[in-house]
PDB file of N, CA and C in Angstrom:
ATOM      1  N   MET A   1      28.231 170.794  74.460  1.00  0.00           N
ATOM      2  CA  MET A   1      29.193 170.927  75.549  1.00  0.00           C
ATOM      3  C   MET A   1      28.504 170.761  76.899  1.00  0.00           C
ATOM      4  N   LYS A   2      27.378 171.460  77.077  1.00  0.00           N
ATOM      5  CA  LYS A   2      26.735 171.385  78.389  1.00  0.00           C
ATOM      6  C   LYS A   2      26.207 169.980  78.682  1.00  0.00           C
ATOM      7  N   ASP A   3      25.797 169.237  77.622  1.00  0.00           N
ATOM      8  CA  ASP A   3      25.342 167.865  77.833  1.00  0.00           C
ATOM      9  C   ASP A   3      26.496 166.959  78.253  1.00  0.00           C
ATOM     10  N   LEU A   4      27.667 167.192  77.700  1.00  0.00           N
ATOM     11  CA  LEU A   4      28.853 166.417  78.067  1.00  0.00           C
ATOM     12  C   LEU A   4      29.244 166.689  79.521  1.00  0.00           C
ATOM     13  N   VAL A   5      29.120 167.925  79.949  1.00  0.00           N
ATOM     14  CA  VAL A   5      29.437 168.282  81.336  1.00  0.00           C
ATOM     15  C   VAL A   5      28.479 167.577  82.290  1.00  0.00           C
ATOM     16  N   ALA A   6      27.189 167.616  81.992  1.00  0.00           N
ATOM     17  CA  ALA A   6      26.202 166.955  82.848  1.00  0.00           C
ATOM     18  C   ALA A   6      26.419 165.446  82.861  1.00  0.00           C
ATOM     19  N   PHE A   7      26.666 164.858  81.691  1.00  0.00           N
ATOM     20  CA  PHE A   7      26.913 163.420  81.618  1.00  0.00           C
ATOM     21  C   PHE A   7      28.150 163.049  82.429  1.00  0.00           C
ATOM     22  N   SER A   8      29.210 163.817  82.296  1.00  0.00           N
ATOM     23  CA  SER A   8      30.447 163.541  83.033  1.00  0.00           C
ATOM     24  C   SER A   8      30.225 163.628  84.536  1.00  0.00           C
ATOM     25  N   ALA A   9      29.509 164.649  84.975  1.00  0.00           N
ATOM     26  CA  ALA A   9      29.242 164.811  86.405  1.00  0.00           C
ATOM     27  C   ALA A   9      28.438 163.631  86.940  1.00  0.00           C
ATOM     28  N   ARG A  10      27.406 163.238  86.212  1.00  0.00           N
ATOM     29  CA  ARG A  10      26.580 162.109  86.643  1.00  0.00           C
ATOM     30  C   ARG A  10      27.379 160.814  86.657  1.00  0.00           C
ATOM     31  N   ALA A  11      28.176 160.596  85.625  1.00  0.00           N
ATOM     32  CA  ALA A  11      28.967 159.370  85.545  1.00  0.00           C
ATOM     33  C   ALA A  11      29.980 159.291  86.686  1.00  0.00           C
ATOM     34  N   ILE A  12      30.666 160.390  86.943  1.00  0.00           N
ATOM     35  CA  ILE A  12      31.664 160.395  88.021  1.00  0.00           C
ATOM     36  C   ILE A  12      31.003 160.128  89.367  1.00  0.00           C
ATOM     37  N   ALA A  13      29.883 160.795  89.629  1.00  0.00           N
ATOM     38  CA  ALA A  13      29.190 160.612  90.909  1.00  0.00           C
ATOM     39  C   ALA A  13      28.695 159.179  91.070  1.00  0.00           C
ATOM     40  N   LEU A  14      28.095 158.634  90.023  1.00  0.00           N
ATOM     41  CA  LEU A  14      27.574 157.266  90.119  1.00  0.00           C
ATOM     42  C   LEU A  14      28.688 156.230  90.218  1.00  0.00           C
ATOM     43  N   LEU A  15      29.754 156.404  89.462  1.00  0.00           N
ATOM     44  CA  LEU A  15      30.872 155.463  89.557  1.00  0.00           C
ATOM     45  C   LEU A  15      31.519 155.508  90.932  1.00  0.00           C
ATOM     46  N   TRP A  16      31.653 156.704  91.488  1.00  0.00           N
ATOM     47  CA  TRP A  16      32.211 156.842  92.842  1.00  0.00           C
ATOM     48  C   TRP A  16      31.339 156.106  93.855  1.00  0.00           C
ATOM     49  N   ALA A  17      30.032 156.346  93.803  1.00  0.00           N
ATOM     50  CA  ALA A  17      29.126 155.718  94.763  1.00  0.00           C
ATOM     51  C   ALA A  17      29.081 154.203  94.574  1.00  0.00           C
ATOM     52  N   ALA A  18      29.012 153.743  93.328  1.00  0.00           N
ATOM     53  CA  ALA A  18      28.952 152.303  93.057  1.00  0.00           C
ATOM     54  C   ALA A  18      30.248 151.606  93.494  1.00  0.00           C
ATOM     55  N   PHE A  19      31.385 152.249  93.250  1.00  0.00           N
ATOM     56  CA  PHE A  19      32.654 151.673  93.672  1.00  0.00           C
ATOM     57  C   PHE A  19      32.677 151.469  95.184  1.00  0.00           C
ATOM     58  N   TRP A  20      32.288 152.488  95.935  1.00  0.00           N
ATOM     59  CA  TRP A  20      32.348 152.360  97.388  1.00  0.00           C
ATOM     60  C   TRP A  20      31.287 151.409  97.922  1.00  0.00           C
ATOM     61  N   MET A  21      30.122 151.353  97.282  1.00  0.00           N
ATOM     62  CA  MET A  21      29.108 150.375  97.690  1.00  0.00           C
ATOM     63  C   MET A  21      29.685 148.966  97.523  1.00  0.00           C
ATOM     64  N   TYR A  22      30.265 148.699  96.360  1.00  0.00           N
ATOM     65  CA  TYR A  22      30.878 147.397  96.117  1.00  0.00           C
ATOM     66  C   TYR A  22      32.005 147.133  97.117  1.00  0.00           C
ATOM     67  N   PHE A  23      32.869 148.103  97.310  1.00  0.00           N
ATOM     68  CA  PHE A  23      34.004 147.918  98.215  1.00  0.00           C
ATOM     69  C   PHE A  23      33.539 147.636  99.633  1.00  0.00           C
ATOM     70  N   PHE A  24      32.581 148.394 100.139  1.00  0.00           N
ATOM     71  CA  PHE A  24      32.102 148.200 101.507  1.00  0.00           C
ATOM     72  C   PHE A  24      31.531 146.796 101.699  1.00  0.00           C
ATOM     73  N   ILE A  25      30.726 146.354 100.750  1.00  0.00           N
ATOM     74  CA  ILE A  25      30.117 145.030 100.879  1.00  0.00           C
ATOM     75  C   ILE A  25      31.168 143.938 100.729  1.00  0.00           C
ATOM     76  N   ALA A  26      32.009 144.033  99.708  1.00  0.00           N
ATOM     77  CA  ALA A  26      33.027 143.006  99.483  1.00  0.00           C
ATOM     78  C   ALA A  26      34.010 142.918 100.641  1.00  0.00           C
ATOM     79  N   GLU A  27      34.412 144.045 101.162  1.00  0.00           N
ATOM     80  CA  GLU A  27      35.387 144.053 102.259  1.00  0.00           C
ATOM     81  C   GLU A  27      34.801 143.448 103.526  1.00  0.00           C
ATOM     82  N   THR A  28      33.564 143.771 103.851  1.00  0.00           N
ATOM     83  CA  THR A  28      32.977 143.208 105.073  1.00  0.00           C
ATOM     84  C   THR A  28      32.695 141.722 104.916  1.00  0.00           C
ATOM     85  N   LEU A  29      32.304 141.288 103.720  1.00  0.00           N
ATOM     86  CA  LEU A  29      32.062 139.861 103.511  1.00  0.00           C
ATOM     87  C   LEU A  29      33.364 139.068 103.489  1.00  0.00           C
ATOM     88  N   SER A  30      34.423 139.651 102.939  1.00  0.00           N
ATOM     89  CA  SER A  30      35.689 138.917 102.851  1.00  0.00           C
ATOM     90  C   SER A  30      36.390 138.799 104.192  1.00  0.00           C
ATOM     91  N   THR A  31      36.173 139.744 105.083  1.00  0.00           N
ATOM     92  CA  THR A  31      36.828 139.685 106.386  1.00  0.00           C
ATOM     93  C   THR A  31      36.012 138.910 107.417  1.00  0.00           C
ATOM     94  N   GLY A  32      34.793 138.532 107.057  1.00  0.00           N
ATOM     95  CA  GLY A  32      33.979 137.733 107.963  1.00  0.00           C
ATOM     96  C   GLY A  32      33.434 138.516 109.145  1.00  0.00           C
ATOM     97  N   THR A  33      33.301 139.822 109.006  1.00  0.00           N
ATOM     98  CA  THR A  33      32.716 140.605 110.088  1.00  0.00           C
ATOM     99  C   THR A  33      31.221 140.312 110.177  1.00  0.00           C
ATOM    100  N   GLY A  34      30.649 140.708 111.262  1.00  0.00           N
ATOM    101  CA  GLY A  34      29.250 140.403 111.515  1.00  0.00           C
ATOM    102  C   GLY A  34      28.286 141.167 110.619  1.00  0.00           C
ATOM    103  N   ILE A  35      27.030 140.754 110.704  1.00  0.00           N
ATOM    104  CA  ILE A  35      25.971 141.369 109.905  1.00  0.00           C
ATOM    105  C   ILE A  35      25.797 142.838 110.281  1.00  0.00           C
ATOM    106  N   SER A  36      25.921 143.166 111.550  1.00  0.00           N
ATOM    107  CA  SER A  36      25.730 144.565 111.957  1.00  0.00           C
ATOM    108  C   SER A  36      26.782 145.472 111.323  1.00  0.00           C
ATOM    109  N   SER A  37      28.017 145.003 111.247  1.00  0.00           N
ATOM    110  CA  SER A  37      29.074 145.786 110.601  1.00  0.00           C
ATOM    111  C   SER A  37      28.808 145.912 109.111  1.00  0.00           C
ATOM    112  N   CYS A  38      28.397 144.823 108.486  1.00  0.00           N
ATOM    113  CA  CYS A  38      28.074 144.841 107.059  1.00  0.00           C
ATOM    114  C   CYS A  38      26.917 145.794 106.799  1.00  0.00           C
ATOM    115  N   PHE A  39      25.931 145.786 107.674  1.00  0.00           N
ATOM    116  CA  PHE A  39      24.770 146.659 107.520  1.00  0.00           C
ATOM    117  C   PHE A  39      25.174 148.130 107.589  1.00  0.00           C
ATOM    118  N   ARG A  40      26.053 148.469 108.524  1.00  0.00           N
ATOM    119  CA  ARG A  40      26.505 149.865 108.633  1.00  0.00           C
ATOM    120  C   ARG A  40      27.199 150.326 107.362  1.00  0.00           C
ATOM    121  N   TRP A  41      28.076 149.494 106.820  1.00  0.00           N
ATOM    122  CA  TRP A  41      28.778 149.861 105.586  1.00  0.00           C
ATOM    123  C   TRP A  41      27.818 149.909 104.401  1.00  0.00           C
ATOM    124  N   PHE A  42      26.839 149.002 104.390  1.00  0.00           N
ATOM    125  CA  PHE A  42      25.833 149.016 103.325  1.00  0.00           C
ATOM    126  C   PHE A  42      25.026 150.310 103.365  1.00  0.00           C
ATOM    127  N   VAL A  43      24.672 150.758 104.551  1.00  0.00           N
ATOM    128  CA  VAL A  43      23.928 152.014 104.700  1.00  0.00           C
ATOM    129  C   VAL A  43      24.781 153.190 104.229  1.00  0.00           C
ATOM    130  N   LEU A  44      26.055 153.185 104.544  1.00  0.00           N
ATOM    131  CA  LEU A  44      26.935 154.252 104.064  1.00  0.00           C
ATOM    132  C   LEU A  44      27.015 154.234 102.537  1.00  0.00           C
ATOM    133  N   GLY A  45      27.112 153.052 101.962  1.00  0.00           N
ATOM    134  CA  GLY A  45      27.110 152.941 100.512  1.00  0.00           C
ATOM    135  C   GLY A  45      25.814 153.454  99.900  1.00  0.00           C
ATOM    136  N   LEU A  46      24.686 153.138 100.526  1.00  0.00           N
ATOM    137  CA  LEU A  46      23.403 153.667 100.055  1.00  0.00           C
ATOM    138  C   LEU A  46      23.354 155.183 100.161  1.00  0.00           C
ATOM    139  N   LEU A  47      23.905 155.720 101.220  1.00  0.00           N
ATOM    140  CA  LEU A  47      23.966 157.174 101.368  1.00  0.00           C
ATOM    141  C   LEU A  47      24.767 157.788 100.224  1.00  0.00           C
ATOM    142  N   PHE A  48      25.886 157.178  99.875  1.00  0.00           N
ATOM    143  CA  PHE A  48      26.675 157.671  98.744  1.00  0.00           C
ATOM    144  C   PHE A  48      25.860 157.610  97.450  1.00  0.00           C
ATOM    145  N   LEU A  49      25.101 156.525  97.245  1.00  0.00           N
ATOM    146  CA  LEU A  49      24.271 156.414  96.044  1.00  0.00           C
ATOM    147  C   LEU A  49      23.191 157.497  96.004  1.00  0.00           C
ATOM    148  N   VAL A  50      22.566 157.744  97.136  1.00  0.00           N
ATOM    149  CA  VAL A  50      21.540 158.795  97.200  1.00  0.00           C
ATOM    150  C   VAL A  50      22.169 160.156  96.902  1.00  0.00           C
ATOM    151  N   LEU A  51      23.341 160.404  97.476  1.00  0.00           N
ATOM    152  CA  LEU A  51      24.029 161.670  97.214  1.00  0.00           C
ATOM    153  C   LEU A  51      24.403 161.819  95.743  1.00  0.00           C
ATOM    154  N   ALA A  52      24.704 160.705  95.087  1.00  0.00           N
ATOM    155  CA  ALA A  52      25.031 160.754  93.659  1.00  0.00           C
ATOM    156  C   ALA A  52      23.796 161.005  92.798  1.00  0.00           C
ATOM    157  N   LEU A  53      22.625 160.644  93.306  1.00  0.00           N
ATOM    158  CA  LEU A  53      21.387 160.805  92.533  1.00  0.00           C
ATOM    159  C   LEU A  53      20.676 162.138  92.783  1.00  0.00           C
ATOM    160  N   ILE A  54      20.933 162.778  93.890  1.00  0.00           N
ATOM    161  CA  ILE A  54      20.270 164.051  94.209  1.00  0.00           C
ATOM    162  C   ILE A  54      20.442 165.086  93.101  1.00  0.00           C
ATOM    163  N   PRO A  55      21.634 165.256  92.521  1.00  0.00           N
ATOM    164  CA  PRO A  55      21.787 166.290  91.491  1.00  0.00           C
ATOM    165  C   PRO A  55      20.982 166.041  90.217  1.00  0.00           C
ATOM    166  N   TRP A  56      20.513 164.835  90.008  1.00  0.00           N
ATOM    167  CA  TRP A  56      19.706 164.555  88.823  1.00  0.00           C
ATOM    168  C   TRP A  56      18.378 165.291  88.901  1.00  0.00           C
ATOM    169  N   ARG A  57      17.905 165.532  90.114  1.00  0.00           N
ATOM    170  CA  ARG A  57      16.628 166.240  90.307  1.00  0.00           C
ATOM    171  C   ARG A  57      16.857 167.683  90.731  1.00  0.00           C
ATOM    172  N   TRP A  58      17.746 167.877  91.679  1.00  0.00           N
ATOM    173  CA  TRP A  58      18.055 169.212  92.215  1.00  0.00           C
ATOM    174  C   TRP A  58      19.551 169.448  92.027  1.00  0.00           C
ATOM    175  N   GLU A  59      19.905 170.030  90.906  1.00  0.00           N
ATOM    176  CA  GLU A  59      21.304 170.096  90.492  1.00  0.00           C
ATOM    177  C   GLU A  59      22.187 170.883  91.462  1.00  0.00           C
ATOM    178  N   ILE A  60      21.775 172.070  91.824  1.00  0.00           N
ATOM    179  CA  ILE A  60      22.624 172.892  92.705  1.00  0.00           C
ATOM    180  C   ILE A  60      22.676 172.320  94.113  1.00  0.00           C
ATOM    181  N   ALA A  61      21.546 171.886  94.642  1.00  0.00           N
ATOM    182  CA  ALA A  61      21.545 171.266  95.977  1.00  0.00           C
ATOM    183  C   ALA A  61      22.417 170.015  95.985  1.00  0.00           C
ATOM    184  N   GLY A  62      22.311 169.222  94.927  1.00  0.00           N
ATOM    185  CA  GLY A  62      23.130 168.024  94.825  1.00  0.00           C
ATOM    186  C   GLY A  62      24.607 168.337  94.695  1.00  0.00           C
ATOM    187  N   ALA A  63      24.914 169.399  93.939  1.00  0.00           N
ATOM    188  CA  ALA A  63      26.314 169.809  93.801  1.00  0.00           C
ATOM    189  C   ALA A  63      26.887 170.212  95.151  1.00  0.00           C
ATOM    190  N   TRP A  64      26.113 170.965  95.924  1.00  0.00           N
ATOM    191  CA  TRP A  64      26.567 171.351  97.269  1.00  0.00           C
ATOM    192  C   TRP A  64      26.732 170.125  98.169  1.00  0.00           C
ATOM    193  N   CYS A  65      25.790 169.179  98.071  1.00  0.00           N
ATOM    194  CA  CYS A  65      25.883 167.959  98.881  1.00  0.00           C
ATOM    195  C   CYS A  65      27.131 167.157  98.538  1.00  0.00           C
ATOM    196  N   LEU A  66      27.404 167.004  97.244  1.00  0.00           N
ATOM    197  CA  LEU A  66      28.588 166.253  96.834  1.00  0.00           C
ATOM    198  C   LEU A  66      29.871 166.941  97.291  1.00  0.00           C
ATOM    199  N   ALA A  67      29.920 168.254  97.146  1.00  0.00           N
ATOM    200  CA  ALA A  67      31.107 168.988  97.585  1.00  0.00           C
ATOM    201  C   ALA A  67      31.283 168.870  99.103  1.00  0.00           C
ATOM    202  N   ALA A  68      30.185 168.984  99.831  1.00  0.00           N
ATOM    203  CA  ALA A  68      30.258 168.893 101.295  1.00  0.00           C
ATOM    204  C   ALA A  68      30.677 167.499 101.745  1.00  0.00           C
ATOM    205  N   VAL A  69      30.095 166.470 101.134  1.00  0.00           N
ATOM    206  CA  VAL A  69      30.455 165.112 101.537  1.00  0.00           C
ATOM    207  C   VAL A  69      31.907 164.813 101.183  1.00  0.00           C
ATOM    208  N   ALA A  70      32.405 165.382 100.101  1.00  0.00           N
ATOM    209  CA  ALA A  70      33.809 165.187  99.737  1.00  0.00           C
ATOM    210  C   ALA A  70      34.722 165.722 100.833  1.00  0.00           C
ATOM    211  N   VAL A  71      34.435 166.904 101.308  1.00  0.00           N
ATOM    212  CA  VAL A  71      35.258 167.511 102.351  1.00  0.00           C
ATOM    213  C   VAL A  71      35.103 166.761 103.672  1.00  0.00           C
ATOM    214  N   ILE A  72      33.872 166.454 104.051  1.00  0.00           N
ATOM    215  CA  ILE A  72      33.615 165.802 105.340  1.00  0.00           C
ATOM    216  C   ILE A  72      34.202 164.394 105.379  1.00  0.00           C
ATOM    217  N   VAL A  73      33.909 163.594 104.357  1.00  0.00           N
ATOM    218  CA  VAL A  73      34.390 162.209 104.351  1.00  0.00           C
ATOM    219  C   VAL A  73      35.913 162.167 104.198  1.00  0.00           C
ATOM    220  N   GLY A  74      36.442 163.027 103.347  1.00  0.00           N
ATOM    221  CA  GLY A  74      37.893 163.062 103.191  1.00  0.00           C
ATOM    222  C   GLY A  74      38.600 163.437 104.485  1.00  0.00           C
ATOM    223  N   ALA A  75      38.094 164.449 105.167  1.00  0.00           N
ATOM    224  CA  ALA A  75      38.696 164.862 106.436  1.00  0.00           C
ATOM    225  C   ALA A  75      38.521 163.788 107.504  1.00  0.00           C
ATOM    226  N   ALA A  76      37.334 163.193 107.564  1.00  0.00           N
ATOM    227  CA  ALA A  76      37.086 162.159 108.568  1.00  0.00           C
ATOM    228  C   ALA A  76      38.000 160.960 108.356  1.00  0.00           C
ATOM    229  N   TYR A  77      38.164 160.545 107.097  1.00  0.00           N
ATOM    230  CA  TYR A  77      39.042 159.403 106.851  1.00  0.00           C
ATOM    231  C   TYR A  77      40.497 159.762 107.129  1.00  0.00           C
ATOM    232  N   ALA A  78      40.898 160.961 106.772  1.00  0.00           N
ATOM    233  CA  ALA A  78      42.281 161.368 107.030  1.00  0.00           C
ATOM    234  C   ALA A  78      42.577 161.377 108.533  1.00  0.00           C
ATOM    235  N   ILE A  79      41.588 161.742 109.322  1.00  0.00           N
ATOM    236  CA  ILE A  79      41.781 161.807 110.774  1.00  0.00           C
ATOM    237  C   ILE A  79      41.646 160.436 111.422  1.00  0.00           C
ATOM    238  N   TRP A  80      40.611 159.671 111.053  1.00  0.00           N
ATOM    239  CA  TRP A  80      40.300 158.420 111.738  1.00  0.00           C
ATOM    240  C   TRP A  80      40.588 157.174 110.913  1.00  0.00           C
ATOM    241  N   SER A  81      41.529 157.231 110.000  1.00  0.00           N
ATOM    242  CA  SER A  81      41.855 156.048 109.207  1.00  0.00           C
ATOM    243  C   SER A  81      42.544 155.014 110.092  1.00  0.00           C
ATOM    244  N   PRO A  82      42.480 153.742 109.687  1.00  0.00           N
ATOM    245  CA  PRO A  82      43.140 152.700 110.486  1.00  0.00           C
ATOM    246  C   PRO A  82      44.630 152.993 110.663  1.00  0.00           C
ATOM    247  N   LYS A  83      45.101 152.824 111.866  1.00  0.00           N
ATOM    248  CA  LYS A  83      46.481 153.186 112.216  1.00  0.00           C
ATOM    249  C   LYS A  83      47.522 152.298 111.543  1.00  0.00           C
ATOM    250  N   HIS A  84      47.166 151.080 111.191  1.00  0.00           N
ATOM    251  CA  HIS A  84      48.151 150.156 110.617  1.00  0.00           C
ATOM    252  C   HIS A  84      48.447 150.434 109.140  1.00  0.00           C
ATOM    253  N   LEU A  85      47.692 151.307 108.500  1.00  0.00           N
ATOM    254  CA  LEU A  85      47.918 151.610 107.087  1.00  0.00           C
ATOM    255  C   LEU A  85      49.099 152.558 106.915  1.00  0.00           C
ATOM    256  N   SER A  86      49.796 152.389 105.808  1.00  0.00           N
ATOM    257  CA  SER A  86      50.915 153.286 105.518  1.00  0.00           C
ATOM    258  C   SER A  86      50.378 154.660 105.110  1.00  0.00           C
ATOM    259  N   ALA A  87      51.241 155.645 105.154  1.00  0.00           N
ATOM    260  CA  ALA A  87      50.836 157.006 104.791  1.00  0.00           C
ATOM    261  C   ALA A  87      50.365 157.077 103.336  1.00  0.00           C
ATOM    262  N   GLY A  88      51.035 156.331 102.459  1.00  0.00           N
ATOM    263  CA  GLY A  88      50.652 156.323 101.051  1.00  0.00           C
ATOM    264  C   GLY A  88      49.243 155.784 100.833  1.00  0.00           C
ATOM    265  N   VAL A  89      48.917 154.711 101.539  1.00  0.00           N
ATOM    266  CA  VAL A  89      47.578 154.120 101.419  1.00  0.00           C
ATOM    267  C   VAL A  89      46.535 155.078 101.982  1.00  0.00           C
ATOM    268  N   LYS A  90      46.841 155.730 103.085  1.00  0.00           N
ATOM    269  CA  LYS A  90      45.898 156.698 103.662  1.00  0.00           C
ATOM    270  C   LYS A  90      45.646 157.859 102.705  1.00  0.00           C
ATOM    271  N   ILE A  91      46.700 158.359 102.074  1.00  0.00           N
ATOM    272  CA  ILE A  91      46.552 159.465 101.125  1.00  0.00           C
ATOM    273  C   ILE A  91      45.736 159.013  99.916  1.00  0.00           C
ATOM    274  N   GLU A  92      46.072 157.844  99.398  1.00  0.00           N
ATOM    275  CA  GLU A  92      45.353 157.320  98.228  1.00  0.00           C
ATOM    276  C   GLU A  92      43.867 157.132  98.523  1.00  0.00           C
ATOM    277  N   THR A  93      43.544 156.559  99.666  1.00  0.00           N
ATOM    278  CA  THR A  93      42.151 156.326 100.019  1.00  0.00           C
ATOM    279  C   THR A  93      41.418 157.641 100.270  1.00  0.00           C
ATOM    280  N   THR A  94      42.083 158.583 100.900  1.00  0.00           N
ATOM    281  CA  THR A  94      41.470 159.896 101.105  1.00  0.00           C
ATOM    282  C   THR A  94      41.157 160.553  99.765  1.00  0.00           C
ATOM    283  N   ILE A  95      42.063 160.422  98.810  1.00  0.00           N
ATOM    284  CA  ILE A  95      41.827 160.973  97.470  1.00  0.00           C
ATOM    285  C   ILE A  95      40.654 160.260  96.809  1.00  0.00           C
ATOM    286  N   LEU A  96      40.586 158.928  96.931  1.00  0.00           N
ATOM    287  CA  LEU A  96      39.482 158.175  96.333  1.00  0.00           C
ATOM    288  C   LEU A  96      38.143 158.514  96.965  1.00  0.00           C
ATOM    289  N   PHE A  97      38.148 158.843  98.250  1.00  0.00           N
ATOM    290  CA  PHE A  97      36.917 159.267  98.918  1.00  0.00           C
ATOM    291  C   PHE A  97      36.503 160.673  98.480  1.00  0.00           C
ATOM    292  N   SER A  98      37.451 161.572  98.311  1.00  0.00           N
ATOM    293  CA  SER A  98      37.145 162.991  98.202  1.00  0.00           C
ATOM    294  C   SER A  98      37.093 163.560  96.791  1.00  0.00           C
ATOM    295  N   VAL A  99      38.047 163.212  95.957  1.00  0.00           N
ATOM    296  CA  VAL A  99      38.163 163.881  94.658  1.00  0.00           C
ATOM    297  C   VAL A  99      36.969 163.620  93.733  1.00  0.00           C
ATOM    298  N   PRO A 100      36.494 162.377  93.570  1.00  0.00           N
ATOM    299  CA  PRO A 100      35.372 162.186  92.638  1.00  0.00           C
ATOM    300  C   PRO A 100      34.103 162.975  92.988  1.00  0.00           C
ATOM    301  N   PRO A 101      33.622 162.954  94.245  1.00  0.00           N
ATOM    302  CA  PRO A 101      32.412 163.748  94.500  1.00  0.00           C
ATOM    303  C   PRO A 101      32.672 165.254  94.398  1.00  0.00           C
ATOM    304  N   LEU A 102      33.884 165.685  94.748  1.00  0.00           N
ATOM    305  CA  LEU A 102      34.209 167.104  94.617  1.00  0.00           C
ATOM    306  C   LEU A 102      34.224 167.515  93.144  1.00  0.00           C
ATOM    307  N   LEU A 103      34.838 166.704  92.312  1.00  0.00           N
ATOM    308  CA  LEU A 103      34.867 166.972  90.874  1.00  0.00           C
ATOM    309  C   LEU A 103      33.456 166.951  90.280  1.00  0.00           C
ATOM    310  N   ALA A 104      32.657 165.960  90.669  1.00  0.00           N
ATOM    311  CA  ALA A 104      31.275 165.889  90.174  1.00  0.00           C
ATOM    312  C   ALA A 104      30.486 167.117  90.620  1.00  0.00           C
ATOM    313  N   GLY A 105      30.662 167.532  91.860  1.00  0.00           N
ATOM    314  CA  GLY A 105      29.972 168.734  92.334  1.00  0.00           C
ATOM    315  C   GLY A 105      30.353 169.959  91.531  1.00  0.00           C
ATOM    316  N   PHE A 106      31.644 170.134  91.275  1.00  0.00           N
ATOM    317  CA  PHE A 106      32.089 171.274  90.465  1.00  0.00           C
ATOM    318  C   PHE A 106      31.539 171.202  89.042  1.00  0.00           C
ATOM    319  N   LEU A 107      31.470 169.997  88.486  1.00  0.00           N
ATOM    320  CA  LEU A 107      30.910 169.856  87.138  1.00  0.00           C
ATOM    321  C   LEU A 107      29.413 170.173  87.115  1.00  0.00           C
ATOM    322  N   PHE A 108      28.703 169.804  88.170  1.00  0.00           N
ATOM    323  CA  PHE A 108      27.285 170.173  88.239  1.00  0.00           C
ATOM    324  C   PHE A 108      27.122 171.693  88.335  1.00  0.00           C
ATOM    325  N   PHE A 109      27.991 172.340  89.102  1.00  0.00           N
ATOM    326  CA  PHE A 109      27.958 173.808  89.143  1.00  0.00           C
ATOM    327  C   PHE A 109      28.248 174.395  87.762  1.00  0.00           C
ATOM    328  N   ALA A 110      29.238 173.839  87.071  1.00  0.00           N
ATOM    329  CA  ALA A 110      29.589 174.323  85.734  1.00  0.00           C
ATOM    330  C   ALA A 110      28.443 174.103  84.754  1.00  0.00           C
ATOM    331  N   HIS A 111      27.782 172.960  84.861  1.00  0.00           N
ATOM    332  CA  HIS A 111      26.644 172.686  83.975  1.00  0.00           C
ATOM    333  C   HIS A 111      25.530 173.693  84.207  1.00  0.00           C
ATOM    334  N   ARG A 112      25.263 173.974  85.433  1.00  0.00           N
ATOM    335  CA  ARG A 112      24.229 174.956  85.756  1.00  0.00           C
ATOM    336  C   ARG A 112      24.585 176.326  85.189  1.00  0.00           C
ATOM    337  N   ARG A 113      25.839 176.684  85.331  1.00  0.00           N
ATOM    338  CA  ARG A 113      26.283 177.984  84.798  1.00  0.00           C
ATOM    339  C   ARG A 113      26.183 178.012  83.282  1.00  0.00           C
ATOM    340  N   LEU A 114      26.570 176.930  82.614  1.00  0.00           N
ATOM    341  CA  LEU A 114      26.461 176.856  81.158  1.00  0.00           C
ATOM    342  C   LEU A 114      24.996 176.918  80.715  1.00  0.00           C
ATOM    343  N   THR A 115      24.135 176.272  81.460  1.00  0.00           N
ATOM    344  CA  THR A 115      22.715 176.268  81.132  1.00  0.00           C
ATOM    345  C   THR A 115      22.118 177.659  81.272  1.00  0.00           C
ATOM    346  N   LEU A 116      22.506 178.378  82.321  1.00  0.00           N
ATOM    347  CA  LEU A 116      21.956 179.721  82.529  1.00  0.00           C
ATOM    348  C   LEU A 116      22.472 180.708  81.475  1.00  0.00           C
ATOM    349  N   HIS A 117      23.699 180.556  81.054  1.00  0.00           N
ATOM    350  CA  HIS A 117      24.272 181.483  80.076  1.00  0.00           C
ATOM    351  C   HIS A 117      23.763 181.214  78.677  1.00  0.00           C
ATOM    352  N   ARG A 118      23.342 179.986  78.414  1.00  0.00           N
ATOM    353  CA  ARG A 118      22.840 179.640  77.075  1.00  0.00           C
ATOM    354  C   ARG A 118      21.359 179.936  76.934  1.00  0.00           C
ATOM    355  N   ALA A 119      20.671 180.053  78.052  1.00  0.00           N
ATOM    356  CA  ALA A 119      19.204 180.254  77.991  1.00  0.00           C
ATOM    357  C   ALA A 119      18.812 181.640  77.588  1.00  0.00           C
TER     358      ALA A 119
END
């Protein structure tokens, strides 16, 4: 059970980070924005990847980081999302930004708790 929890947390975190890395690069390349804009989004995608990998070494610190980034990024996008988007798209994107890292963080906390109780 505890191995499944850890695997699920890692998979969710990595899929979330990889999805946004792909989206950031594809979106900037498809819209023809400049290299500086593409670079900024690429750096954000790398930050998401690093945040997804931190719990592999430091589980509790990584869980806190994922939970914090879920709240911060979700709130930031909800506040500063593009004005031309419909409310449904804004809600959907906020959920896609926030729920996966929050869920992964909670699963890392659960894995740690399962590990301590089994030891």
